[in-house]
């Protein structure tokens, strides 16, 4: 497996990882609402964030199983890419929960754990040749 084979996954990874910083910029530019409403939803978003973080780790393994190819286009690289995109999208959702809490007026100490969790989950998925099976 050559270096070109990890280029597409790395570009996708960087795009999704970078999107979380855009959320923070938007959050900073919009400012807090006149009447914060985040305490009413805090527990729900925390539970959703936890569940989504767990699914980011477990979901790709459940959905993208190894084994014999199911079609001509079913390749190890394709399976890796599918699992990576699914895991990254779920990790991104964790950051979105924090972003929404910020839009509701939550302080930085409430918002940042969502982003930090998302970044950790995403860093774990950085594409390498070894992870792709080569």
Protein backbone atom coordinates (compact mmCIF):
# COMPACT_ATOMS: atom_id res chain seq x y z
CA UNK A 1 0.00 0.00 0.00
CA UNK A 2 1.52 3.31 -1.07
CA UNK A 3 1.35 6.78 0.44
CA UNK A 4 -1.30 7.84 -2.09
CA UNK A 5 -3.75 5.34 -0.61
CA UNK A 6 -3.84 7.25 2.70
CA UNK A 7 -4.17 10.67 1.06
CA UNK A 8 -7.96 10.59 0.58
CA UNK A 9 -8.68 9.35 4.12
CA UNK A 10 -6.35 12.03 5.52
CA UNK A 11 -8.06 14.78 3.53
CA UNK A 12 -11.46 13.61 4.78
CA UNK A 13 -10.13 13.34 8.33
CA UNK A 14 -8.70 16.87 8.20
CA UNK A 15 -11.94 18.30 6.80
CA UNK A 16 -14.07 16.79 9.54
CA UNK A 17 -11.55 17.63 12.27
CA UNK A 18 -11.31 21.20 10.96
CA UNK A 19 -15.06 21.65 11.00
CA UNK A 20 -15.02 21.61 14.79
CA UNK A 21 -12.89 24.75 14.81
CA UNK A 22 -15.40 26.43 12.51
CA UNK A 23 -18.10 25.67 15.11
CA UNK A 24 -16.00 27.47 17.72
CA UNK A 25 -15.53 30.48 15.45
CA UNK A 26 -19.27 30.68 14.78
CA UNK A 27 -19.93 30.35 18.50
CA UNK A 28 -17.53 33.18 19.25
CA UNK A 29 -19.03 35.41 16.55
CA UNK A 30 -22.65 34.87 17.57
CA UNK A 31 -22.16 35.59 21.25
CA UNK A 32 -24.40 34.41 24.08
CA UNK A 33 -28.18 34.84 23.95
CA UNK A 34 -29.92 37.47 26.07
CA UNK A 35 -31.48 34.76 28.23
CA UNK A 36 -29.38 31.59 28.52
CA UNK A 37 -31.42 28.39 28.40
CA UNK A 38 -28.64 25.82 28.59
CA UNK A 39 -29.26 24.52 32.14
CA UNK A 40 -32.60 23.04 31.10
CA UNK A 41 -30.98 20.92 28.39
CA UNK A 42 -27.57 20.25 29.92
CA UNK A 43 -28.29 16.75 31.20
CA UNK A 44 -29.88 15.67 27.91
CA UNK A 45 -26.96 16.89 25.85
CA UNK A 46 -24.47 15.27 28.22
CA UNK A 47 -26.28 11.92 27.90
CA UNK A 48 -26.51 12.25 24.12
CA UNK A 49 -22.83 13.22 23.93
CA UNK A 50 -21.77 10.23 26.01
CA UNK A 51 -23.88 7.82 23.97
CA UNK A 52 -22.64 9.25 20.70
CA UNK A 53 -19.01 9.07 21.87
CA UNK A 54 -19.46 5.39 22.75
CA UNK A 55 -21.07 4.74 19.36
CA UNK A 56 -18.15 6.51 17.68
CA UNK A 57 -15.91 3.83 19.13
CA UNK A 58 -18.21 0.82 18.81
CA UNK A 59 -20.43 1.60 15.80
CA UNK A 60 -17.84 1.32 13.03
CA UNK A 61 -16.66 -2.03 14.39
CA UNK A 62 -20.24 -3.33 14.43
CA UNK A 63 -21.19 -2.08 10.99
CA UNK A 64 -17.94 -2.59 9.10
CA UNK A 65 -17.08 -6.19 9.77
CA UNK A 66 -14.18 -8.07 8.35
CA UNK A 67 -14.63 -11.23 6.37
CA UNK A 68 -14.99 -12.23 2.78
CA UNK A 69 -15.87 -9.49 0.28
CA UNK A 70 -19.59 -9.08 -0.29
CA UNK A 71 -19.17 -7.53 -3.74
CA UNK A 72 -16.50 -6.59 -6.28
CA UNK A 73 -16.23 -3.10 -4.76
CA UNK A 74 -15.94 -4.38 -1.16
CA UNK A 75 -12.26 -3.87 -0.38
CA UNK A 76 -10.30 -3.52 2.87
CA UNK A 77 -9.56 0.11 1.97
CA UNK A 78 -13.26 0.76 1.36
CA UNK A 79 -14.19 -0.85 4.66
CA UNK A 80 -11.59 1.24 6.46
CA UNK A 81 -12.87 4.43 4.84
CA UNK A 82 -16.48 3.61 5.69
CA UNK A 83 -15.60 2.94 9.32
CA UNK A 84 -13.44 6.05 9.56
CA UNK A 85 -16.12 8.32 8.12
CA UNK A 86 -18.77 6.86 10.42
CA UNK A 87 -16.56 7.21 13.49
CA UNK A 88 -15.56 10.76 12.54
CA UNK A 89 -19.15 11.79 11.88
CA UNK A 90 -20.23 10.50 15.28
CA UNK A 91 -17.28 12.26 16.96
CA UNK A 92 -18.25 15.43 15.11
CA UNK A 93 -21.76 15.09 16.51
CA UNK A 94 -20.30 15.24 20.02
CA UNK A 95 -18.75 18.62 19.16
CA UNK A 96 -22.08 19.75 17.71
CA UNK A 97 -23.79 19.00 21.03
CA UNK A 98 -21.31 21.31 22.73
CA UNK A 99 -21.81 23.92 20.02
CA UNK A 100 -25.57 23.87 20.55
CA UNK A 101 -25.08 24.18 24.31
CA UNK A 102 -22.89 27.22 23.58
CA UNK A 103 -25.60 28.70 21.38
CA UNK A 104 -27.98 28.21 24.31
CA UNK A 105 -25.62 30.30 26.42
CA UNK A 106 -23.54 27.66 28.21
CA UNK A 107 -20.17 28.88 29.50
CA UNK A 108 -16.83 27.66 28.13
CA UNK A 109 -16.41 25.19 31.03
CA UNK A 110 -19.55 23.39 29.81
CA UNK A 111 -18.89 23.64 26.07
CA UNK A 112 -15.21 22.65 25.85
CA UNK A 113 -15.49 19.10 27.25
CA UNK A 114 -17.64 18.21 24.23
CA UNK A 115 -15.00 19.56 21.85
CA UNK A 116 -12.11 17.96 23.71
CA UNK A 117 -13.91 14.61 23.66
CA UNK A 118 -14.57 14.96 19.94
CA UNK A 119 -10.94 15.86 19.24
CA UNK A 120 -9.67 12.85 21.20
CA UNK A 121 -12.04 10.54 19.33
CA UNK A 122 -10.93 12.06 16.01
CA UNK A 123 -7.22 11.88 16.81
CA UNK A 124 -7.68 8.19 17.54
CA UNK A 125 -8.93 7.77 13.96
CA UNK A 126 -6.08 9.53 12.15
CA UNK A 127 -5.53 7.41 9.04
CA UNK A 128 -2.25 5.55 8.72
CA UNK A 129 -1.17 2.72 6.42
CA UNK A 130 -1.04 0.39 9.41
CA UNK A 131 -4.64 1.14 10.36
CA UNK A 132 -5.68 0.60 6.74
CA UNK A 133 -4.15 -2.85 6.85
CA UNK A 134 -0.99 -2.22 4.94
